[in-house]
Amino acid sequence: MKAEETKDGAIVSIAVTVDADEASRWLALSEEFSQGVDWAAASQDALKRAVTSQAEYELLNERRPSPLTRPLIVAACDLQEGVPFRFTISFAELPSSDLTGYEPIALPLRRPEVTDDEVQKLFENAIGSVTATTPKGEGAVVEDGDTVDIALESVSEGKVYHPLTASKRYYELGSGFMPKDFDDMLRGMAVGQRSSVNLKVPRSDTPYDEPSGYLDVRVTATVNGIMRDSAASVDDAWVRAQFPGIAGVDDLKKSLRRQLQAEKDDMYAQSGASLILRKLADRLQDSSIPDAVLELQAQEAMESIREQLADQGRTMEDFLERQNMDENSLRMSLMMDVRAQDRQMMALDAWARHYGLQPTEDDRERYRALLAKDVGAEEAEQILGTMYEGALDESVLRMMAQRAAAAS
């Protein structure tokens, strides 16, 4: 294979010539033509795809700087048996620039601390989701705000009234879902106690403002259990029963404090990382990026959005309407976004070059772990599976540069 590379600003073009023997070898390496090629029946698209994909791998897989945009491959001729095959690969690459200074960046941010009030609020939220299943102690009676486990027997006009008949039903006293007389009956009852009340229940098929719009129903309730809902009544035994592995109230609060502190530390780290990137980008000696490159990147981002919307059964038109935008304004917004990202990558690349950073396998594993944390393990695998080796090493170096740029 012969390859002649030319550059026009940040646009790279590679004129490729693959001799006939090499083209045949590459076809044999492809899954589609591993059993041989029927030149008369094979489609040109399939033949070209098999050869150009191998050439792309050979030329671009370990290239640094790696392609910034998706390579465009254009064949100059058909692929024929015994004849050299010519095509071009073109793409944009990230411009290079030095920084005005390479001293580490001191972050003015202070590590956020978790307050006792925040822990108490988390604690109350944690127990609030389970207190409805926690019975009050022996001798307790029903009070306003309690959730009561009751059995109901109801009769109307000599027949069972099924809507208010149940062997087990939870009801919160004072919720307003039952008449006041029902709440008055329950208030003060103890577990195992049984009591009855006469209620007027609306008929479903008659206007409520008519005398015949109500049924007289005799309701008998038996209290099976009374659920406490006060955080103050939670003790160590209750915590151990509800949260396996937690020793008691203090242990639960310590666990919640650690959880919240970890969340705050993560937000602090993200804020710090963002600040480092902005400050490094401000040090670029030359941050100019050709509009043609930004337009290519923005167009690829548009296509990605369109594909994601299609997977969700939505259209670009619907998306733009919801965002109160048109395609041109979206494209301009994307160009601004990719320009900011490009400048940050240029700054990190300059730092890595200045200090001669080189990725190790440990660094690559750390990058893979960070990527999986950011986007999820499955999507991370998909991203890594489509990356050139050179692009992966560039990403790892940028991670290393960002970490090194933060003053300890």
Protein backbone atom coordinates (compact mmCIF):
# COMPACT_ATOMS: atom_id res chain seq x y z
CA MET A 1 0.00 0.00 0.00
CA LYS A 2 1.21 3.47 -0.89
CA ALA A 3 -0.08 6.50 0.94
CA GLU A 4 0.61 10.16 0.14
CA GLU A 5 -0.60 12.62 2.76
CA THR A 6 -1.37 16.28 2.15
CA LYS A 7 -2.74 18.93 4.51
CA ASP A 8 -4.84 22.01 3.97
CA GLY A 9 -4.95 23.68 7.35
CA ALA A 10 -6.55 21.14 9.70
CA ILE A 11 -7.93 19.00 6.85
CA VAL A 12 -5.85 15.92 6.05
CA SER A 13 -6.15 13.98 2.79
CA ILE A 14 -4.41 10.67 2.18
CA ALA A 15 -4.22 9.34 -1.39
CA VAL A 16 -4.03 5.55 -1.13
CA THR A 17 -3.01 2.99 -3.73
CA VAL A 18 -3.44 -0.68 -2.90
CA ASP A 19 -1.77 -3.07 -5.33
CA ALA A 20 -3.74 -6.01 -6.67
CA ASP A 21 -2.03 -8.69 -4.53
CA GLU A 22 -2.52 -6.73 -1.31
CA ALA A 23 -6.16 -6.07 -2.16
CA SER A 24 -6.68 -9.81 -2.60
CA ARG A 25 -5.03 -10.52 0.76
CA TRP A 26 -7.21 -7.95 2.50
CA LEU A 27 -10.35 -9.36 0.91
CA ALA A 28 -9.40 -12.78 2.26
CA LEU A 29 -9.10 -11.25 5.75
CA SER A 30 -12.68 -9.95 5.62
CA GLU A 31 -15.55 -12.04 6.95
CA GLU A 32 -17.59 -11.58 3.79
CA PHE A 33 -14.91 -12.77 1.36
CA SER A 34 -12.91 -15.16 3.53
CA GLN A 35 -14.11 -18.09 1.38
CA GLY A 36 -13.08 -16.44 -1.89
CA VAL A 37 -14.33 -13.74 -4.24
CA ASP A 38 -16.79 -14.19 -7.09
CA TRP A 39 -15.74 -11.06 -8.99
CA ALA A 40 -18.66 -11.26 -11.38
CA ALA A 41 -21.29 -11.45 -8.61
CA ALA A 42 -19.73 -9.39 -5.79
CA SER A 43 -21.05 -5.88 -5.31
CA GLN A 44 -18.61 -3.01 -5.58
CA ASP A 45 -19.82 -1.57 -2.27
CA ALA A 46 -18.94 -4.79 -0.44
CA LEU A 47 -15.57 -5.14 -2.18
CA LYS A 48 -14.58 -1.53 -1.51
CA ARG A 49 -15.76 -1.69 2.09
CA ALA A 50 -13.64 -4.79 2.77
CA VAL A 51 -10.46 -3.20 1.40
CA THR A 52 -10.89 0.37 2.62
CA SER A 53 -11.72 -0.73 6.17
CA GLN A 54 -8.43 -2.62 6.33
CA ALA A 55 -6.54 0.34 4.87
CA GLU A 56 -8.24 2.68 7.35
CA TYR A 57 -7.13 0.44 10.22
CA GLU A 58 -3.54 0.28 8.92
CA LEU A 59 -3.29 4.05 8.37
CA LEU A 60 -5.33 5.53 11.20
CA ASN A 61 -5.49 3.07 14.10
CA GLU A 62 -2.29 4.23 15.80
CA ARG A 63 -2.13 7.70 14.25
CA ARG A 64 -1.55 10.66 16.56
CA PRO A 65 -3.11 13.12 16.22
CA SER A 66 -6.06 10.87 15.54
CA PRO A 67 -8.90 11.93 13.21
CA LEU A 68 -11.07 14.57 14.85
CA THR A 69 -13.93 13.87 12.45
CA ARG A 70 -15.24 10.70 10.84
CA PRO A 71 -12.96 9.76 7.89
CA LEU A 72 -14.51 10.28 4.47
CA ILE A 73 -13.44 7.60 1.97
CA VAL A 74 -13.89 8.22 -1.74
CA ALA A 75 -12.87 5.62 -4.34
CA ALA A 76 -11.28 6.86 -7.55
CA CYS A 77 -12.15 3.65 -9.41
CA ASP A 78 -13.89 0.30 -9.09
CA LEU A 79 -12.11 -2.55 -7.38
CA GLN A 80 -11.20 -5.12 -10.05
CA GLU A 81 -9.27 -8.35 -9.95
CA GLY A 82 -5.59 -7.89 -10.80
CA VAL A 83 -5.81 -4.08 -10.90
CA PRO A 84 -4.49 -1.59 -8.29
CA PHE A 85 -7.22 0.15 -6.29
CA ARG A 86 -7.04 3.90 -5.59
CA PHE A 87 -9.04 5.96 -3.11
CA THR A 88 -8.65 8.91 -0.73
CA ILE A 89 -9.23 9.19 3.01
CA SER A 90 -9.90 12.69 4.33
CA PHE A 91 -10.64 13.99 7.82
CA ALA A 92 -10.00 16.91 10.15
CA GLU A 93 -7.41 16.78 12.88
CA LEU A 94 -7.17 18.88 16.01
CA PRO A 95 -4.90 21.92 15.61
CA SER A 96 -1.82 22.11 17.82
CA SER A 97 -0.80 24.98 20.09
CA ASP A 98 1.47 25.66 23.04
CA LEU A 99 0.49 27.21 26.36
CA THR A 100 1.71 30.50 27.78
CA GLY A 101 2.58 28.72 31.02
CA TYR A 102 2.76 25.21 32.47
CA GLU A 103 2.54 25.79 36.21
CA PRO A 104 -0.14 23.75 38.05
CA ILE A 105 -3.50 25.39 38.69
CA ALA A 106 -4.52 26.07 42.28
CA LEU A 107 -8.23 25.57 42.80
CA PRO A 108 -9.92 28.29 44.86
CA LEU A 109 -12.77 25.94 45.71
CA ARG A 110 -13.14 24.65 49.27
CA ARG A 111 -14.08 21.04 49.86
CA PRO A 112 -17.74 21.05 50.91
CA GLU A 113 -18.49 19.61 54.34
CA VAL A 114 -21.66 17.76 55.32
CA THR A 115 -23.65 19.48 58.08
CA ASP A 116 -25.53 17.80 60.93
CA ASP A 117 -28.79 19.27 59.61
CA GLU A 118 -28.21 17.62 56.23
CA VAL A 119 -27.55 14.27 57.89
CA GLN A 120 -30.70 14.59 60.02
CA LYS A 121 -32.80 15.35 56.94
CA LEU A 122 -31.33 12.32 55.13
CA PHE A 123 -31.99 10.20 58.20
CA GLU A 124 -35.63 11.26 58.34
CA ASN A 125 -36.02 10.59 54.62
CA ALA A 126 -34.43 7.16 55.01
CA ILE A 127 -36.72 6.04 57.80
CA GLY A 128 -39.75 7.75 56.29
CA SER A 129 -39.94 5.18 53.52
CA VAL A 130 -40.25 2.29 55.97
CA THR A 131 -41.92 3.62 59.11
CA ALA A 132 -45.39 2.80 57.75
CA THR A 133 -44.55 -0.87 58.29
CA THR A 134 -43.18 -0.40 61.80
CA PRO A 135 -45.67 -1.11 64.61
CA LYS A 136 -45.97 1.07 67.67
CA GLY A 137 -45.05 -0.41 71.00
CA GLU A 138 -47.29 -2.43 73.27
CA GLY A 139 -50.21 -0.47 74.75
CA ALA A 140 -50.19 2.19 72.05
CA VAL A 141 -53.46 3.68 70.76
CA VAL A 142 -54.41 5.21 67.42
CA GLU A 143 -53.52 8.89 67.08
CA ASP A 144 -53.82 11.46 64.29
CA GLY A 145 -51.22 10.83 61.62
CA ASP A 146 -50.86 7.13 62.45
CA THR A 147 -51.20 4.53 59.72
CA VAL A 148 -53.60 1.84 60.95
CA ASP A 149 -53.77 -1.76 59.77
CA ILE A 150 -57.49 -2.57 59.99
CA ALA A 151 -59.98 -5.27 59.05
CA LEU A 152 -63.34 -3.96 57.84
CA GLU A 153 -66.78 -5.57 57.86
CA SER A 154 -69.57 -3.48 56.30
CA VAL A 155 -73.28 -4.08 55.81
CA SER A 156 -75.88 -2.03 53.93
CA GLU A 157 -79.55 -2.92 53.47
CA GLY A 158 -78.90 -6.37 54.95
CA LYS A 159 -76.12 -7.23 52.48
CA VAL A 160 -72.33 -7.12 52.57
CA TYR A 161 -71.07 -3.77 51.32
CA HIS A 162 -67.99 -4.91 49.43
CA PRO A 163 -66.24 -1.52 48.87
CA LEU A 164 -65.72 -1.23 52.64
CA THR A 165 -65.07 -4.88 53.40
CA ALA A 166 -61.50 -6.17 53.63
CA SER A 167 -59.44 -8.42 55.84
CA LYS A 168 -56.50 -6.00 55.67
CA ARG A 169 -56.39 -2.36 54.70
CA TYR A 170 -54.02 0.48 55.61
CA TYR A 171 -55.55 3.82 56.51
CA GLU A 172 -53.89 7.04 57.68
CA LEU A 173 -55.93 8.76 60.37
CA GLY A 174 -56.73 12.33 59.36
CA SER A 175 -56.02 11.79 55.66
CA GLY A 176 -59.59 12.77 54.73
CA PHE A 177 -60.29 9.69 52.65
CA MET A 178 -63.05 8.58 55.04
CA PRO A 179 -65.81 10.54 56.84
CA LYS A 180 -64.95 12.29 60.11
CA ASP A 181 -67.11 9.84 62.09
CA PHE A 182 -64.87 6.99 60.92
CA ASP A 183 -61.75 8.81 62.13
CA ASP A 184 -63.44 9.62 65.45
CA MET A 185 -64.22 5.92 65.91
CA LEU A 186 -60.60 4.84 65.27
CA ARG A 187 -58.97 7.52 67.41
CA GLY A 188 -57.96 6.04 70.77
CA MET A 189 -58.46 2.38 69.73
CA ALA A 190 -55.80 -0.17 70.67
CA VAL A 191 -54.52 -3.19 68.77
CA GLY A 192 -57.16 -5.96 68.81
CA GLN A 193 -60.00 -3.58 69.65
CA ARG A 194 -63.21 -3.73 67.58
CA SER A 195 -65.73 -0.92 67.08
CA SER A 196 -68.58 0.07 64.76
CA VAL A 197 -69.97 3.27 63.26
CA ASN A 198 -72.87 4.19 60.97
CA LEU A 199 -71.79 6.07 57.83
CA LYS A 200 -73.58 7.64 54.93
CA VAL A 201 -71.72 6.53 51.78
CA PRO A 202 -72.39 8.14 48.37
CA ARG A 203 -74.03 5.95 45.76
CA SER A 204 -72.11 5.79 42.50
CA ASP A 205 -75.16 6.16 40.24
CA THR A 206 -77.14 8.95 41.96
CA PRO A 207 -76.37 12.68 42.45
CA TYR A 208 -74.99 13.22 45.94
CA ASP A 209 -77.24 16.22 46.64
CA GLU A 210 -80.37 14.06 46.45
CA PRO A 211 -81.65 12.20 49.56
CA SER A 212 -81.45 8.93 47.63
CA GLY A 213 -77.84 9.63 46.69
CA TYR A 214 -76.45 8.02 49.85
CA LEU A 215 -76.38 4.54 51.39
CA ASP A 216 -76.56 3.84 55.11
CA VAL A 217 -73.62 1.55 55.86
CA ARG A 218 -72.73 -0.05 59.18
CA VAL A 219 -68.94 -0.33 59.32
CA THR A 220 -67.13 -2.46 61.89
CA ALA A 221 -63.36 -2.03 62.18
CA THR A 222 -60.85 -4.23 63.98
CA VAL A 223 -57.39 -2.74 64.61
CA ASN A 224 -54.71 -5.24 63.56
CA GLY A 225 -51.78 -2.90 64.04
CA ILE A 226 -50.76 0.71 64.54
CA MET A 227 -47.84 2.03 62.53
CA ARG A 228 -45.65 4.71 64.04
CA ASP A 229 -44.43 7.56 61.86
CA SER A 230 -42.23 9.56 64.21
CA ALA A 231 -38.47 9.62 63.62
CA ALA A 232 -37.98 10.16 67.34
CA SER A 233 -39.43 6.72 68.06
CA VAL A 234 -36.87 4.89 65.93
CA ASP A 235 -34.37 2.98 68.05
CA ASP A 236 -31.33 0.76 67.41
CA ALA A 237 -33.38 -2.44 67.25
CA TRP A 238 -35.69 -0.93 64.65
CA VAL A 239 -32.73 0.23 62.54
CA ARG A 240 -31.10 -3.21 62.69
CA ALA A 241 -34.35 -4.82 61.54
CA GLN A 242 -34.93 -2.40 58.66
CA PHE A 243 -31.32 -1.85 57.44
CA PRO A 244 -29.30 -5.10 57.33
CA GLY A 245 -25.68 -4.57 58.25
CA ILE A 246 -26.36 -1.33 60.14
CA ALA A 247 -25.78 -1.55 63.91
CA GLY A 248 -28.13 1.21 65.03
CA VAL A 249 -29.21 4.84 64.75
CA ASP A 250 -25.70 6.31 65.07
CA ASP A 251 -24.30 3.82 62.56
CA LEU A 252 -27.07 4.68 60.08
CA LYS A 253 -26.35 8.39 60.43
CA LYS A 254 -22.62 7.78 59.92
CA SER A 255 -23.37 5.77 56.79
CA LEU A 256 -25.62 8.52 55.45
CA ARG A 257 -22.95 11.12 56.22
CA ARG A 258 -20.35 9.13 54.26
CA GLN A 259 -22.78 8.75 51.37
CA LEU A 260 -23.55 12.47 51.22
CA GLN A 261 -19.89 13.41 51.63
CA ALA A 262 -18.98 11.15 48.71
CA GLU A 263 -21.64 12.84 46.58
CA LYS A 264 -20.39 16.28 47.53
CA ASP A 265 -16.78 15.25 46.88
CA ASP A 266 -17.79 14.00 43.44
CA MET A 267 -19.48 17.31 42.64
CA TYR A 268 -16.44 19.18 43.99
CA ALA A 269 -14.14 17.11 41.78
CA GLN A 270 -16.30 17.75 38.72
CA SER A 271 -16.36 21.49 39.42
CA GLY A 272 -12.59 21.49 39.91
CA ALA A 273 -12.00 19.53 36.71
CA SER A 274 -14.18 21.93 34.74
CA LEU A 275 -12.32 24.92 36.18
CA ILE A 276 -8.93 23.41 35.32
CA LEU A 277 -10.02 22.86 31.72
CA ARG A 278 -11.24 26.44 31.36
CA LYS A 279 -8.07 27.91 32.88
CA LEU A 280 -5.79 25.74 30.74
CA ALA A 281 -7.72 26.69 27.59
CA ASP A 282 -7.23 30.36 28.51
CA ARG A 283 -3.45 29.75 28.34
CA LEU A 284 -3.48 28.67 24.67
CA GLN A 285 -1.14 30.78 22.57
CA ASP A 286 -3.26 30.14 19.48
CA SER A 287 -6.78 28.75 19.93
CA SER A 288 -8.01 29.34 16.38
CA ILE A 289 -9.93 26.42 14.89
CA PRO A 290 -11.04 26.61 11.25
CA ASP A 291 -14.77 27.10 10.79
CA ALA A 292 -14.77 24.22 8.31
CA VAL A 293 -13.62 21.87 11.08
CA LEU A 294 -16.23 23.16 13.54
CA GLU A 295 -18.93 22.80 10.90
CA LEU A 296 -17.92 19.19 10.23
CA GLN A 297 -18.02 18.39 13.95
CA ALA A 298 -21.35 20.15 14.40
CA GLN A 299 -22.82 18.23 11.46
CA GLU A 300 -21.68 14.93 12.95
CA ALA A 301 -23.22 15.94 16.28
CA MET A 302 -26.47 16.76 14.46
CA GLU A 303 -26.49 13.33 12.85
CA SER A 304 -25.86 11.71 16.23
CA ILE A 305 -28.81 13.60 17.75
CA ARG A 306 -30.99 12.58 14.82
CA GLU A 307 -30.05 8.90 15.29
CA GLN A 308 -30.73 9.03 19.04
CA LEU A 309 -34.12 10.63 18.44
CA ALA A 310 -34.98 7.98 15.85
CA ASP A 311 -34.15 5.25 18.38
CA GLN A 312 -36.64 6.93 20.74
CA GLY A 313 -39.30 7.16 18.02
CA ARG A 314 -38.96 10.94 17.80
CA THR A 315 -38.10 13.34 15.00
CA MET A 316 -35.66 16.22 14.76
CA GLU A 317 -38.59 18.53 14.00
CA ASP A 318 -40.28 17.57 17.28
CA PHE A 319 -37.01 18.02 19.19
CA LEU A 320 -36.39 21.47 17.69
CA GLU A 321 -39.93 22.57 18.45
CA ARG A 322 -39.57 21.54 22.08
CA GLN A 323 -36.25 23.38 22.32
CA ASN A 324 -37.73 26.44 20.57
CA MET A 325 -34.92 26.30 17.99
CA ASP A 326 -34.42 25.77 14.27
CA GLU A 327 -31.69 23.66 12.65
CA ASN A 328 -29.45 26.65 12.06
CA SER A 329 -29.57 27.81 15.69
CA LEU A 330 -28.93 24.24 16.85
CA ARG A 331 -25.96 23.97 14.50
CA MET A 332 -24.53 27.25 15.79
CA SER A 333 -25.00 26.09 19.38
CA LEU A 334 -23.22 22.81 18.60
CA MET A 335 -20.37 24.70 16.92
CA MET A 336 -19.87 26.73 20.08
CA ASP A 337 -19.89 23.55 22.19
CA VAL A 338 -17.37 21.68 20.02
CA ARG A 339 -15.13 24.76 19.85
CA ALA A 340 -14.97 24.88 23.66
CA GLN A 341 -14.25 21.13 23.79
CA ASP A 342 -11.58 21.39 21.08
CA ARG A 343 -9.80 24.22 22.91
CA GLN A 344 -9.74 22.19 26.11
CA MET A 345 -8.32 19.16 24.29
CA MET A 346 -5.67 21.36 22.62
CA ALA A 347 -4.62 22.68 26.03
CA LEU A 348 -4.38 19.20 27.54
CA ASP A 349 -2.41 17.96 24.52
CA ALA A 350 0.03 20.86 24.97
CA TRP A 351 0.50 19.96 28.64
CA ALA A 352 1.11 16.30 27.82
CA ARG A 353 3.68 17.23 25.12
CA HIS A 354 5.48 19.70 27.39
CA TYR A 355 5.95 17.14 30.17
CA GLY A 356 6.50 14.16 27.87
CA LEU A 357 3.67 12.15 29.37
CA GLN A 358 3.26 8.57 28.15
CA PRO A 359 0.30 6.32 29.01
CA THR A 360 0.84 3.07 30.88
CA GLU A 361 -1.57 0.15 30.99
CA ASP A 362 -2.58 1.25 34.48
CA ASP A 363 -3.47 4.66 33.07
CA ARG A 364 -5.53 3.04 30.32
CA GLU A 365 -7.41 0.95 32.87
CA ARG A 366 -8.06 4.03 34.97
CA TYR A 367 -9.47 5.80 31.91
CA ARG A 368 -11.71 2.84 31.08
CA ALA A 369 -13.01 2.83 34.66
CA LEU A 370 -13.73 6.58 34.57
CA LEU A 371 -15.53 6.23 31.25
CA ALA A 372 -17.65 3.38 32.59
CA LYS A 373 -18.51 5.50 35.65
CA ASP A 374 -19.57 8.42 33.44
CA VAL A 375 -21.65 6.63 30.80
CA GLY A 376 -22.22 3.13 32.17
CA ALA A 377 -20.30 -0.09 31.53
CA GLU A 378 -22.25 -1.14 28.44
CA GLU A 379 -21.97 2.18 26.62
CA ALA A 380 -18.32 2.47 27.64
CA GLU A 381 -17.60 -0.87 25.97
CA GLN A 382 -19.31 0.31 22.81
CA ILE A 383 -17.29 3.53 22.76
CA LEU A 384 -13.98 1.75 23.40
CA GLY A 385 -14.80 -0.83 20.74
CA THR A 386 -15.00 1.86 18.05
CA MET A 387 -11.98 3.94 19.10
CA TYR A 388 -8.67 3.95 17.28
CA GLU A 389 -5.74 2.96 19.49
CA GLY A 390 -4.21 6.39 18.90
CA ALA A 391 -7.43 8.11 19.93
CA LEU A 392 -7.58 6.00 23.09
CA ASP A 393 -4.02 6.97 24.03
CA GLU A 394 -4.84 10.64 23.37
CA SER A 395 -7.81 10.40 25.72
CA VAL A 396 -5.67 8.72 28.36
CA LEU A 397 -2.99 11.41 28.02
CA ARG A 398 -5.60 14.14 28.41
CA MET A 399 -6.83 12.47 31.58
CA MET A 400 -3.25 12.34 32.87
CA ALA A 401 -2.62 15.97 31.92
CA GLN A 402 -5.77 17.17 33.64
CA ARG A 403 -4.83 15.31 36.79
CA ALA A 404 -1.26 16.68 36.71
CA ALA A 405 -2.43 20.25 36.09
CA ALA A 406 -4.26 20.35 39.42
CA ALA A 407 -2.03 21.75 42.14
CA SER A 408 -1.93 19.50 45.18
